[in-house]
Amino acid sequence: MNAIDPTSNDEIRRRAEALGPWFHNIEIDGIWTAPDHFLGNYPAVKWQRFADAIPQDLTGKSVLDIGCNGGFYSIEMKKRGASRVLGVDFDDAYLAQARFAAERTGHDIEFRKLSVYDVGALGERFDVVLFMGVLYHLRHPLLALDLIHEHVANDMLVFQSMQRGSEKVLPVEENYTFWQTEHFDDPGYPKMHFIEHRYADDPTNWWAPNTACVEAMLRSAGFEIVQHPETEVYICRRVDAPSGAGAVYPAQGVSHD
């Protein structure tokens, strides 16, 4: 009996289905991993809206993909010539998908099981950090941004988060007196909606920030917004963090660049 060709479409489909369900719809030798995705051809449909905001040539650059999921963005970074791409996720199922997708599409990408709260353990900085679709799944989102700034971001941060509420951004004062409260009720004031139970049937959806909140959080963690190419996507540059940022959880034994 002849052995099954591991590169055959039937075998690839079988392996992809065994690793499912997939959140990233990735084409592998003509087989799509999530052809019936409720968001369509996702995340390619989102990627197309901000891909031009990231350098086409990443030759010599290092990339860290935090919350890499099935590996779509890690693969796209490798396609642009990044010398090193490291994808991290805390979900073993997603990591298995990402390794399979990278292997079958012929891309040398490293994947590790790691929480965003433990990025300091990597002990290195990356030229490009992707932090896509993670913030709203975290119980401590600002801590995550502070740790990314403190430990791994060297230059560019590509950030995306689900947003709910107003897209208006209210210019805020440096300070308000104790008796001033009207601004809290303005739809454009930075707000994070807390999800106690579930949203979209997902118990890990903890937060739904509005636009003003996303932008304020990025600034407060030390990321300057340089482009806003898509409703939920921000291209940022790492700058010095504002005074007091991360003061309650200072890094130990880590020098600043």
Protein backbone atom coordinates (compact mmCIF):
# COMPACT_ATOMS: atom_id res chain seq x y z
CA MET A 1 0.00 0.00 0.00
CA ASN A 2 1.31 3.43 -0.92
CA ALA A 3 1.81 5.92 1.93
CA ILE A 4 -0.39 9.00 1.98
CA ASP A 5 1.34 11.97 0.41
CA PRO A 6 1.76 14.46 3.30
CA THR A 7 1.61 17.33 0.80
CA SER A 8 -1.67 16.27 -0.80
CA ASN A 9 -4.66 18.58 -0.53
CA ASP A 10 -6.68 15.93 1.28
CA GLU A 11 -4.00 15.46 3.89
CA ILE A 12 -3.53 19.21 4.39
CA ARG A 13 -7.30 19.63 4.75
CA ARG A 14 -7.43 16.78 7.25
CA ARG A 15 -4.61 18.26 9.36
CA ALA A 16 -6.06 21.76 9.22
CA GLU A 17 -9.48 20.49 10.30
CA ALA A 18 -7.92 18.50 13.13
CA LEU A 19 -6.26 21.67 14.41
CA GLY A 20 -9.48 23.69 14.21
CA PRO A 21 -11.47 25.70 14.82
CA TRP A 22 -9.33 28.49 13.36
CA PHE A 23 -9.80 32.22 13.91
CA HIS A 24 -7.26 33.06 11.21
CA ASN A 25 -8.28 32.14 7.68
CA ILE A 26 -4.98 31.22 6.02
CA GLU A 27 -4.48 29.68 2.59
CA ILE A 28 -2.25 26.62 2.73
CA ASP A 29 -1.58 25.02 -0.65
CA GLY A 30 -5.04 26.00 -1.86
CA ILE A 31 -6.79 24.95 1.35
CA TRP A 32 -8.37 27.64 3.55
CA THR A 33 -8.29 27.12 7.31
CA ALA A 34 -11.48 29.07 8.12
CA PRO A 35 -13.48 29.36 4.88
CA ASP A 36 -16.75 30.01 6.75
CA HIS A 37 -15.38 32.71 9.09
CA PHE A 38 -18.18 34.93 10.43
CA LEU A 39 -16.08 38.01 9.58
CA GLY A 40 -15.35 36.87 6.04
CA ASN A 41 -11.79 36.38 4.86
CA TYR A 42 -10.37 37.40 8.21
CA PRO A 43 -7.87 38.76 9.06
CA ALA A 44 -6.90 39.41 5.43
CA VAL A 45 -9.80 41.86 5.01
CA LYS A 46 -8.46 43.94 7.90
CA TRP A 47 -4.81 43.56 6.87
CA GLN A 48 -5.60 45.02 3.44
CA ARG A 49 -6.76 48.24 5.10
CA PHE A 50 -3.50 48.98 6.92
CA ALA A 51 -0.80 46.90 5.20
CA ASP A 52 0.62 49.98 3.42
CA ALA A 53 1.30 51.63 6.78
CA ILE A 54 4.00 49.06 7.55
CA PRO A 55 7.28 49.09 5.59
CA GLN A 56 7.18 46.78 2.59
CA ASP A 57 10.82 45.84 3.19
CA LEU A 58 11.62 44.57 6.68
CA THR A 59 15.01 43.15 5.74
CA GLY A 60 17.22 42.96 8.81
CA LYS A 61 14.36 43.74 11.19
CA SER A 62 13.16 41.67 14.12
CA VAL A 63 9.44 41.25 14.78
CA LEU A 64 7.55 40.13 17.88
CA ASP A 65 3.94 39.07 17.33
CA ILE A 66 2.18 39.08 20.72
CA GLY A 67 -0.96 36.99 20.68
CA CYS A 68 -0.01 35.47 17.33
CA ASN A 69 -3.09 33.22 17.15
CA GLY A 70 -2.92 31.11 13.96
CA GLY A 71 0.12 33.00 12.67
CA PHE A 72 -1.37 35.15 9.90
CA TYR A 73 0.49 38.34 10.81
CA SER A 74 3.72 36.52 11.64
CA ILE A 75 3.68 35.04 8.15
CA GLU A 76 2.99 38.43 6.58
CA MET A 77 5.97 39.93 8.39
CA LYS A 78 8.20 37.11 7.15
CA LYS A 79 6.93 37.68 3.61
CA ARG A 80 8.30 41.23 3.89
CA GLY A 81 11.76 39.91 4.62
CA ALA A 82 11.99 40.24 8.41
CA SER A 83 15.16 38.50 9.52
CA ARG A 84 13.54 37.13 12.64
CA VAL A 85 9.90 36.71 13.59
CA LEU A 86 8.88 35.42 17.00
CA GLY A 87 5.21 34.70 17.64
CA VAL A 88 4.00 34.24 21.20
CA ASP A 89 0.64 33.11 22.50
CA PHE A 90 -0.67 31.53 25.69
CA ASP A 91 -2.99 29.11 23.87
CA ASP A 92 -1.47 25.78 22.85
CA ALA A 93 -4.11 25.24 20.16
CA TYR A 94 -3.28 28.53 18.46
CA LEU A 95 0.45 27.79 18.64
CA ALA A 96 -0.10 24.41 16.99
CA GLN A 97 -2.04 26.12 14.21
CA ALA A 98 0.65 28.76 13.75
CA ARG A 99 3.46 26.21 13.56
CA PHE A 100 1.52 24.19 11.01
CA ALA A 101 0.70 27.24 8.88
CA ALA A 102 4.27 28.54 8.93
CA GLU A 103 5.73 25.14 8.10
CA ARG A 104 3.33 24.43 5.26
CA THR A 105 3.79 27.92 3.75
CA GLY A 106 7.57 27.62 3.97
CA HIS A 107 8.35 30.34 6.50
CA ASP A 108 10.98 30.05 9.22
CA ILE A 109 9.16 31.49 12.23
CA GLU A 110 9.69 30.72 15.89
CA PHE A 111 6.66 30.29 18.16
CA ARG A 112 6.67 30.14 21.95
CA LYS A 113 4.08 29.78 24.67
CA LEU A 114 4.25 33.02 26.62
CA SER A 115 1.88 35.44 28.33
CA VAL A 116 2.09 39.13 27.48
CA TYR A 117 2.69 39.71 31.18
CA ASP A 118 5.93 37.70 30.89
CA VAL A 119 7.50 39.41 27.86
CA GLY A 120 10.34 40.62 30.07
CA ALA A 121 11.57 37.02 30.15
CA LEU A 122 12.52 37.33 26.47
CA GLY A 123 15.39 39.61 27.41
CA GLU A 124 15.49 41.46 24.10
CA ARG A 125 13.87 44.26 22.15
CA PHE A 126 12.27 44.03 18.71
CA ASP A 127 12.17 46.54 15.87
CA VAL A 128 8.48 45.87 15.26
CA VAL A 129 6.01 44.68 17.89
CA LEU A 130 2.56 43.52 16.80
CA PHE A 131 -0.10 43.72 19.51
CA MET A 132 -3.21 42.87 17.55
CA GLY A 133 -6.52 41.76 19.01
CA VAL A 134 -5.19 41.15 22.52
CA LEU A 135 -5.91 44.16 24.73
CA TYR A 136 -9.62 43.48 25.23
CA HIS A 137 -8.91 39.89 26.28
CA LEU A 138 -6.74 41.02 29.22
CA ARG A 139 -7.81 41.66 32.78
CA HIS A 140 -4.91 44.11 33.15
CA PRO A 141 -4.59 45.87 29.78
CA LEU A 142 -2.60 48.94 30.81
CA LEU A 143 -0.10 46.74 32.61
CA ALA A 144 0.42 44.85 29.35
CA LEU A 145 1.15 48.06 27.43
CA ASP A 146 3.56 49.21 30.12
CA LEU A 147 5.42 45.89 30.01
CA ILE A 148 5.66 45.98 26.22
CA HIS A 149 7.13 49.48 26.43
CA GLU A 150 9.48 48.58 29.26
CA HIS A 151 10.83 45.31 27.91
CA VAL A 152 10.35 44.53 24.21
CA ALA A 153 9.40 47.52 22.04
CA ASN A 154 12.36 49.15 20.36
CA ASP A 155 10.70 51.34 17.74
CA MET A 156 7.37 50.48 16.07
CA LEU A 157 4.23 49.18 17.73
CA VAL A 158 1.36 48.00 15.55
CA PHE A 159 -1.71 48.02 17.79
CA GLN A 160 -5.30 46.89 17.25
CA SER A 161 -8.20 46.46 19.61
CA MET A 162 -11.91 45.89 19.36
CA GLN A 163 -13.60 49.20 20.17
CA ARG A 164 -17.12 50.05 21.25
CA GLY A 165 -18.76 53.36 21.99
CA SER A 166 -18.11 56.74 20.46
CA GLU A 167 -15.36 57.41 17.92
CA LYS A 168 -15.33 61.03 19.09
CA VAL A 169 -12.15 62.14 20.87
CA LEU A 170 -12.65 64.89 23.45
CA PRO A 171 -9.63 67.14 24.06
CA VAL A 172 -9.04 66.77 27.77
CA GLU A 173 -7.48 69.19 30.23
CA GLU A 174 -4.29 68.41 32.11
CA ASN A 175 -6.26 68.52 35.35
CA TYR A 176 -9.81 68.90 36.64
CA THR A 177 -10.97 70.00 40.07
CA PHE A 178 -12.77 67.54 42.32
CA TRP A 179 -16.04 69.32 41.57
CA GLN A 180 -15.79 69.11 37.78
CA THR A 181 -17.67 66.02 36.59
CA GLU A 182 -19.38 66.92 33.33
CA HIS A 183 -16.52 65.64 31.16
CA PHE A 184 -17.03 62.09 32.45
CA ASP A 185 -20.42 62.00 30.75
CA ASP A 186 -19.13 63.22 27.39
CA PRO A 187 -19.11 60.33 24.82
CA GLY A 188 -15.66 61.46 23.69
CA TYR A 189 -14.05 61.16 27.11
CA PRO A 190 -11.76 58.09 27.42
CA LYS A 191 -13.90 55.17 28.56
CA MET A 192 -13.47 51.42 28.95
CA HIS A 193 -16.56 49.29 29.14
CA PHE A 194 -16.08 46.37 31.53
CA ILE A 195 -17.59 43.04 30.48
CA GLU A 196 -18.30 41.05 33.61
CA HIS A 197 -19.64 37.91 31.95
CA ARG A 198 -19.47 37.32 28.19
CA TYR A 199 -19.50 39.28 24.97
CA ALA A 200 -19.93 37.47 21.63
CA ASP A 201 -20.01 34.22 23.62
CA ASP A 202 -16.38 34.76 24.66
CA PRO A 203 -15.62 34.73 28.41
CA THR A 204 -12.19 36.30 27.74
CA ASN A 205 -13.64 39.53 26.35
CA TRP A 206 -13.08 41.72 29.40
CA TRP A 207 -12.92 45.25 28.03
CA ALA A 208 -14.36 47.32 25.19
CA PRO A 209 -12.60 50.72 25.02
CA ASN A 210 -13.81 53.67 23.00
CA THR A 211 -11.50 55.45 20.55
CA ALA A 212 -10.45 58.14 23.02
CA CYS A 213 -9.54 55.51 25.59
CA VAL A 214 -7.35 53.53 23.18
CA GLU A 215 -5.44 56.64 22.18
CA ALA A 216 -5.05 57.83 25.78
CA MET A 217 -3.79 54.43 26.93
CA LEU A 218 -1.20 54.25 24.16
CA ARG A 219 0.09 57.72 25.03
CA SER A 220 0.15 57.00 28.74
CA ALA A 221 2.29 53.89 28.17
CA GLY A 222 4.83 55.80 26.07
CA PHE A 223 3.68 55.20 22.50
CA GLU A 224 3.30 58.14 20.12
CA ILE A 225 0.60 57.58 17.51
CA VAL A 226 2.04 58.32 14.07
CA GLN A 227 -0.68 56.81 11.87
CA HIS A 228 -4.27 55.68 12.28
CA PRO A 229 -4.80 53.83 8.98
CA GLU A 230 -7.81 51.75 10.02
CA THR A 231 -10.61 52.25 12.54
CA GLU A 232 -9.07 49.91 15.12
CA VAL A 233 -5.41 50.03 14.08
CA TYR A 234 -2.68 52.41 15.23
CA ILE A 235 0.93 52.62 14.09
CA CYS A 236 2.96 53.92 17.00
CA ARG A 237 6.52 54.88 17.83
CA ARG A 238 8.07 54.13 21.18
CA VAL A 239 9.01 57.28 23.07
CA ASP A 240 9.83 58.02 26.69
CA ALA A 241 6.97 57.05 28.96
CA PRO A 242 5.26 59.87 30.84
CA SER A 243 6.32 60.50 34.41
CA GLY A 244 4.77 57.92 36.72
CA ALA A 245 4.01 55.32 34.05
CA GLY A 246 4.54 51.83 35.43
CA ALA A 247 5.47 53.24 38.83
CA VAL A 248 3.61 50.56 40.78
CA TYR A 249 5.39 47.69 39.05
CA PRO A 250 8.94 48.81 38.21
CA ALA A 251 11.12 46.49 36.18
CA GLN A 252 13.95 44.83 38.06
CA GLY A 253 17.36 44.48 36.53
CA VAL A 254 16.34 45.93 33.17
CA SER A 255 18.29 48.83 31.73
CA HIS A 256 16.68 51.46 29.55
CA ASP A 257 17.89 52.03 26.00
